[in-house]
């Protein structure tokens, strides 16, 4: 089941993120969301959880169309009012390979469709082949690759994007194909 997290579940989402990050061999695959950002996203945006038997096993954070440094619209010269940013998506190591990341992405896309958002953006490390594959399955394409998040050791990230067709709100199509 996917739903918005409750306030008292934010620490559980942070703890899950920390456990996943601690087990990563390549720490460049993921940029940690700060506790302050979790609470900010909870108050202003979407903090979604995937639950199995009441256990939180996956999280998707969505930055809505607002002025916020993590809104990727500024890197793509898009109007922030037209964009949602999927800021973080992660799944408990024990539950990987079960389609949970895809289900979270699909759920997030459905929220954007309901709000008539034109663009959904996200980043992925060039070395994170599994996440990149899951985003491609959900019609995201590489818009550009750049050094992103300089405060985090200047890691290179691919910015992925999909574009909504407003006359057919249930369909998303490729904005631009620019492979690296």
C-alpha atoms as a PDB file:
ATOM      1  CA  UNK A   1       0.000   0.000   0.000  1.00  0.00           C
ATOM      2  CA  UNK A   2       1.218   3.494  -0.876  1.00  0.00           C
ATOM      3  CA  UNK A   3       0.138   6.531   1.122  1.00  0.00           C
ATOM      4  CA  UNK A   4       1.325   9.835   2.462  1.00  0.00           C
ATOM      5  CA  UNK A   5       3.444   9.398   5.546  1.00  0.00           C
ATOM      6  CA  UNK A   6       2.137  10.585   8.877  1.00  0.00           C
ATOM      7  CA  UNK A   7       4.174  13.051  10.915  1.00  0.00           C
ATOM      8  CA  UNK A   8       5.190  10.362  13.407  1.00  0.00           C
ATOM      9  CA  UNK A   9       6.549   8.208  10.520  1.00  0.00           C
ATOM     10  CA  UNK A  10       9.103  10.744   9.268  1.00  0.00           C
ATOM     11  CA  UNK A  11      11.811   9.414  11.581  1.00  0.00           C
ATOM     12  CA  UNK A  12      11.133   5.916  10.237  1.00  0.00           C
ATOM     13  CA  UNK A  13      11.677   7.215   6.677  1.00  0.00           C
ATOM     14  CA  UNK A  14      14.937   8.864   7.761  1.00  0.00           C
ATOM     15  CA  UNK A  15      16.061   5.683   9.504  1.00  0.00           C
ATOM     16  CA  UNK A  16      15.274   3.585   6.413  1.00  0.00           C
ATOM     17  CA  UNK A  17      17.261   5.998   4.239  1.00  0.00           C
ATOM     18  CA  UNK A  18      20.224   5.820   6.645  1.00  0.00           C
ATOM     19  CA  UNK A  19      20.210   2.000   6.685  1.00  0.00           C
ATOM     20  CA  UNK A  20      20.098   1.849   2.890  1.00  0.00           C
ATOM     21  CA  UNK A  21      22.875   4.417   2.528  1.00  0.00           C
ATOM     22  CA  UNK A  22      25.078   2.696   5.105  1.00  0.00           C
ATOM     23  CA  UNK A  23      24.841  -0.535   3.073  1.00  0.00           C
ATOM     24  CA  UNK A  24      25.724   1.100  -0.259  1.00  0.00           C
ATOM     25  CA  UNK A  25      29.111   0.095  -1.586  1.00  0.00           C
ATOM     26  CA  UNK A  26      29.171   3.112  -3.919  1.00  0.00           C
ATOM     27  CA  UNK A  27      27.987   6.069  -1.828  1.00  0.00           C
ATOM     28  CA  UNK A  28      27.895   8.239  -4.983  1.00  0.00           C
ATOM     29  CA  UNK A  29      24.738   6.425  -6.075  1.00  0.00           C
ATOM     30  CA  UNK A  30      22.565   8.367  -3.634  1.00  0.00           C
ATOM     31  CA  UNK A  31      22.512  11.841  -2.108  1.00  0.00           C
ATOM     32  CA  UNK A  32      20.992  11.798   1.367  1.00  0.00           C
ATOM     33  CA  UNK A  33      17.902  13.865   2.096  1.00  0.00           C
ATOM     34  CA  UNK A  34      18.533  15.824   5.291  1.00  0.00           C
ATOM     35  CA  UNK A  35      16.169  15.466   8.247  1.00  0.00           C
ATOM     36  CA  UNK A  36      15.207  19.140   7.863  1.00  0.00           C
ATOM     37  CA  UNK A  37      14.345  18.528   4.206  1.00  0.00           C
ATOM     38  CA  UNK A  38      12.157  15.554   5.165  1.00  0.00           C
ATOM     39  CA  UNK A  39      10.126  17.725   7.508  1.00  0.00           C
ATOM     40  CA  UNK A  40       9.967  20.544   4.951  1.00  0.00           C
ATOM     41  CA  UNK A  41       8.768  18.158   2.229  1.00  0.00           C
ATOM     42  CA  UNK A  42       6.218  16.673   4.644  1.00  0.00           C
ATOM     43  CA  UNK A  43       4.778  20.145   5.325  1.00  0.00           C
ATOM     44  CA  UNK A  44       4.814  21.501   1.763  1.00  0.00           C
ATOM     45  CA  UNK A  45       4.977  18.626  -0.697  1.00  0.00           C
ATOM     46  CA  UNK A  46       4.516  14.855  -0.846  1.00  0.00           C
ATOM     47  CA  UNK A  47       6.311  12.371   1.383  1.00  0.00           C
ATOM     48  CA  UNK A  48       5.015   8.976   0.273  1.00  0.00           C
ATOM     49  CA  UNK A  49       5.613   5.582   1.788  1.00  0.00           C
ATOM     50  CA  UNK A  50       5.226   2.048   0.488  1.00  0.00           C
ATOM     51  CA  UNK A  51       4.079  -0.314   3.234  1.00  0.00           C
ATOM     52  CA  UNK A  52       4.015  -4.102   3.461  1.00  0.00           C
ATOM     53  CA  UNK A  53       2.216  -5.412   6.567  1.00  0.00           C
ATOM     54  CA  UNK A  54       2.493  -1.958   8.174  1.00  0.00           C
ATOM     55  CA  UNK A  55       6.265  -1.913   7.624  1.00  0.00           C
ATOM     56  CA  UNK A  56       7.707   1.032   5.682  1.00  0.00           C
ATOM     57  CA  UNK A  57       9.818  -0.466   2.874  1.00  0.00           C
ATOM     58  CA  UNK A  58      10.009   2.345   0.318  1.00  0.00           C
ATOM     59  CA  UNK A  59       9.841   6.135   0.112  1.00  0.00           C
ATOM     60  CA  UNK A  60       9.253   8.708  -2.621  1.00  0.00           C
ATOM     61  CA  UNK A  61       9.706  12.423  -1.928  1.00  0.00           C
ATOM     62  CA  UNK A  62       8.108  14.822  -4.395  1.00  0.00           C
ATOM     63  CA  UNK A  63       8.921  18.530  -4.538  1.00  0.00           C
ATOM     64  CA  UNK A  64       5.831  20.252  -5.864  1.00  0.00           C
ATOM     65  CA  UNK A  65       5.719  23.289  -8.118  1.00  0.00           C
ATOM     66  CA  UNK A  66       7.263  25.803  -5.736  1.00  0.00           C
ATOM     67  CA  UNK A  67      10.390  27.900  -5.459  1.00  0.00           C
ATOM     68  CA  UNK A  68      12.839  25.555  -3.786  1.00  0.00           C
ATOM     69  CA  UNK A  69      16.500  24.881  -4.516  1.00  0.00           C
ATOM     70  CA  UNK A  70      15.885  21.162  -5.067  1.00  0.00           C
ATOM     71  CA  UNK A  71      13.271  21.825  -7.718  1.00  0.00           C
ATOM     72  CA  UNK A  72      15.129  20.716 -10.851  1.00  0.00           C
ATOM     73  CA  UNK A  73      13.155  23.053 -13.117  1.00  0.00           C
ATOM     74  CA  UNK A  74      15.857  25.689 -12.670  1.00  0.00           C
ATOM     75  CA  UNK A  75      18.461  23.337 -14.181  1.00  0.00           C
ATOM     76  CA  UNK A  76      16.228  22.787 -17.210  1.00  0.00           C
ATOM     77  CA  UNK A  77      15.048  26.377 -17.777  1.00  0.00           C
ATOM     78  CA  UNK A  78      11.454  25.417 -17.053  1.00  0.00           C
ATOM     79  CA  UNK A  79       8.858  27.366 -15.105  1.00  0.00           C
ATOM     80  CA  UNK A  80       8.697  26.014 -11.557  1.00  0.00           C
ATOM     81  CA  UNK A  81       4.899  26.190 -11.678  1.00  0.00           C
ATOM     82  CA  UNK A  82       4.921  23.501 -14.388  1.00  0.00           C
ATOM     83  CA  UNK A  83       7.215  21.026 -12.620  1.00  0.00           C
ATOM     84  CA  UNK A  84       7.332  18.395  -9.919  1.00  0.00           C
ATOM     85  CA  UNK A  85      10.669  16.957  -8.854  1.00  0.00           C
ATOM     86  CA  UNK A  86      10.961  13.397  -7.650  1.00  0.00           C
ATOM     87  CA  UNK A  87      13.683  14.258  -5.158  1.00  0.00           C
ATOM     88  CA  UNK A  88      14.357  10.861  -3.604  1.00  0.00           C
ATOM     89  CA  UNK A  89      13.125   7.336  -4.113  1.00  0.00           C
ATOM     90  CA  UNK A  90      14.519   4.390  -2.210  1.00  0.00           C
ATOM     91  CA  UNK A  91      13.558   0.859  -1.235  1.00  0.00           C
ATOM     92  CA  UNK A  92      14.643  -1.321   1.677  1.00  0.00           C
ATOM     93  CA  UNK A  93      17.380  -3.733   0.571  1.00  0.00           C
ATOM     94  CA  UNK A  94      15.287  -6.756   1.622  1.00  0.00           C
ATOM     95  CA  UNK A  95      12.472  -5.712  -0.742  1.00  0.00           C
ATOM     96  CA  UNK A  96      14.407  -4.782  -3.873  1.00  0.00           C
ATOM     97  CA  UNK A  97      13.579  -6.517  -7.116  1.00  0.00           C
ATOM     98  CA  UNK A  98       9.870  -6.673  -6.291  1.00  0.00           C
ATOM     99  CA  UNK A  99       8.769  -3.667  -8.381  1.00  0.00           C
ATOM    100  CA  UNK A 100       8.346  -1.316  -5.417  1.00  0.00           C
ATOM    101  CA  UNK A 101      10.346   1.541  -6.938  1.00  0.00           C
ATOM    102  CA  UNK A 102       8.228   1.306 -10.102  1.00  0.00           C
ATOM    103  CA  UNK A 103       5.020   1.356  -8.074  1.00  0.00           C
ATOM    104  CA  UNK A 104       6.190   4.443  -6.186  1.00  0.00           C
ATOM    105  CA  UNK A 105       7.103   6.172  -9.456  1.00  0.00           C
ATOM    106  CA  UNK A 106       3.738   5.271 -11.004  1.00  0.00           C
ATOM    107  CA  UNK A 107       1.921   6.605  -7.946  1.00  0.00           C
ATOM    108  CA  UNK A 108       3.912   9.855  -8.054  1.00  0.00           C
ATOM    109  CA  UNK A 109       3.190  10.225 -11.768  1.00  0.00           C
ATOM    110  CA  UNK A 110      -0.518   9.778 -11.083  1.00  0.00           C
ATOM    111  CA  UNK A 111      -0.399  12.619  -8.531  1.00  0.00           C
ATOM    112  CA  UNK A 112       1.275  14.874 -11.113  1.00  0.00           C
ATOM    113  CA  UNK A 113      -1.324  13.898 -13.718  1.00  0.00           C
ATOM    114  CA  UNK A 114      -4.170  14.790 -11.342  1.00  0.00           C
ATOM    115  CA  UNK A 115      -2.592  18.218 -10.790  1.00  0.00           C
ATOM    116  CA  UNK A 116      -2.012  18.754 -14.555  1.00  0.00           C
ATOM    117  CA  UNK A 117       1.741  19.128 -14.057  1.00  0.00           C
ATOM    118  CA  UNK A 118       3.588  19.477 -17.375  1.00  0.00           C
ATOM    119  CA  UNK A 119       6.992  18.097 -16.360  1.00  0.00           C
ATOM    120  CA  UNK A 120       8.301  15.606 -13.842  1.00  0.00           C
ATOM    121  CA  UNK A 121      12.019  15.731 -13.207  1.00  0.00           C
ATOM    122  CA  UNK A 122      14.435  13.604 -11.225  1.00  0.00           C
ATOM    123  CA  UNK A 123      18.126  12.877 -11.001  1.00  0.00           C
ATOM    124  CA  UNK A 124      19.976   9.604 -11.055  1.00  0.00           C
ATOM    125  CA  UNK A 125      23.657   8.789 -10.793  1.00  0.00           C
ATOM    126  CA  UNK A 126      25.165   7.659 -14.110  1.00  0.00           C
ATOM    127  CA  UNK A 127      26.323   4.527 -12.246  1.00  0.00           C
ATOM    128  CA  UNK A 128      22.903   3.649 -10.806  1.00  0.00           C
ATOM    129  CA  UNK A 129      21.784   1.347 -13.593  1.00  0.00           C
ATOM    130  CA  UNK A 130      18.849  -0.154 -11.678  1.00  0.00           C
ATOM    131  CA  UNK A 131      17.222   3.182 -10.823  1.00  0.00           C
ATOM    132  CA  UNK A 132      17.940   4.515 -14.307  1.00  0.00           C
ATOM    133  CA  UNK A 133      16.245   1.450 -15.781  1.00  0.00           C
ATOM    134  CA  UNK A 134      13.175   1.889 -13.552  1.00  0.00           C
ATOM    135  CA  UNK A 135      12.841   5.538 -14.544  1.00  0.00           C
ATOM    136  CA  UNK A 136      13.087   4.568 -18.228  1.00  0.00           C
ATOM    137  CA  UNK A 137      10.318   1.997 -17.694  1.00  0.00           C
ATOM    138  CA  UNK A 138       8.184   4.937 -16.574  1.00  0.00           C
ATOM    139  CA  UNK A 139       8.983   6.979 -19.718  1.00  0.00           C
ATOM    140  CA  UNK A 140      11.660   9.206 -18.209  1.00  0.00           C
ATOM    141  CA  UNK A 141      14.489  10.066 -20.576  1.00  0.00           C
ATOM    142  CA  UNK A 142      17.830  11.764 -20.010  1.00  0.00           C
ATOM    143  CA  UNK A 143      17.384  15.472 -20.533  1.00  0.00           C
ATOM    144  CA  UNK A 144      20.974  16.353 -19.697  1.00  0.00           C
ATOM    145  CA  UNK A 145      23.889  15.296 -17.568  1.00  0.00           C
ATOM    146  CA  UNK A 146      25.630  17.774 -15.328  1.00  0.00           C
ATOM    147  CA  UNK A 147      27.460  18.230 -12.079  1.00  0.00           C
ATOM    148  CA  UNK A 148      24.657  18.561  -9.572  1.00  0.00           C
ATOM    149  CA  UNK A 149      24.679  19.127  -5.842  1.00  0.00           C
ATOM    150  CA  UNK A 150      28.116  20.759  -5.646  1.00  0.00           C
ATOM    151  CA  UNK A 151      27.849  20.871  -1.875  1.00  0.00           C
ATOM    152  CA  UNK A 152      27.939  17.064  -2.024  1.00  0.00           C
ATOM    153  CA  UNK A 153      31.341  16.574  -3.642  1.00  0.00           C
ATOM    154  CA  UNK A 154      30.253  17.727  -7.139  1.00  0.00           C
ATOM    155  CA  UNK A 155      28.703  14.469  -8.199  1.00  0.00           C
ATOM    156  CA  UNK A 156      27.644  14.048 -11.788  1.00  0.00           C
ATOM    157  CA  UNK A 157      23.939  13.334 -12.198  1.00  0.00           C
ATOM    158  CA  UNK A 158      21.642  12.659 -15.104  1.00  0.00           C
ATOM    159  CA  UNK A 159      18.571  14.848 -15.058  1.00  0.00           C
ATOM    160  CA  UNK A 160      15.624  12.806 -16.250  1.00  0.00           C
ATOM    161  CA  UNK A 161      12.373  14.275 -17.480  1.00  0.00           C
ATOM    162  CA  UNK A 162       8.951  13.320 -18.747  1.00  0.00           C
ATOM    163  CA  UNK A 163       6.331  15.667 -20.163  1.00  0.00           C
ATOM    164  CA  UNK A 164       2.588  15.442 -19.745  1.00  0.00           C
ATOM    165  CA  UNK A 165       0.227  15.806 -22.662  1.00  0.00           C
ATOM    166  CA  UNK A 166      -2.535  17.955 -21.165  1.00  0.00           C
ATOM    167  CA  UNK A 167      -5.095  16.942 -23.737  1.00  0.00           C
ATOM    168  CA  UNK A 168      -4.508  13.321 -22.715  1.00  0.00           C
ATOM    169  CA  UNK A 169      -3.682  13.564 -19.000  1.00  0.00           C
ATOM    170  CA  UNK A 170      -3.161   9.835 -18.545  1.00  0.00           C
ATOM    171  CA  UNK A 171      -0.310   9.723 -21.070  1.00  0.00           C
ATOM    172  CA  UNK A 172       3.211  11.026 -20.729  1.00  0.00           C
ATOM    173  CA  UNK A 173       5.523  11.436 -23.663  1.00  0.00           C
ATOM    174  CA  UNK A 174       9.148  12.227 -24.320  1.00  0.00           C
ATOM    175  CA  UNK A 175      10.035  15.902 -24.238  1.00  0.00           C
ATOM    176  CA  UNK A 176      13.419  15.585 -25.844  1.00  0.00           C
ATOM    177  CA  UNK A 177      15.847  12.753 -26.440  1.00  0.00           C
ATOM    178  CA  UNK A 178      19.384  13.621 -25.441  1.00  0.00           C
ATOM    179  CA  UNK A 179      21.337  10.476 -24.579  1.00  0.00           C
ATOM    180  CA  UNK A 180      24.759  10.464 -22.931  1.00  0.00           C
END
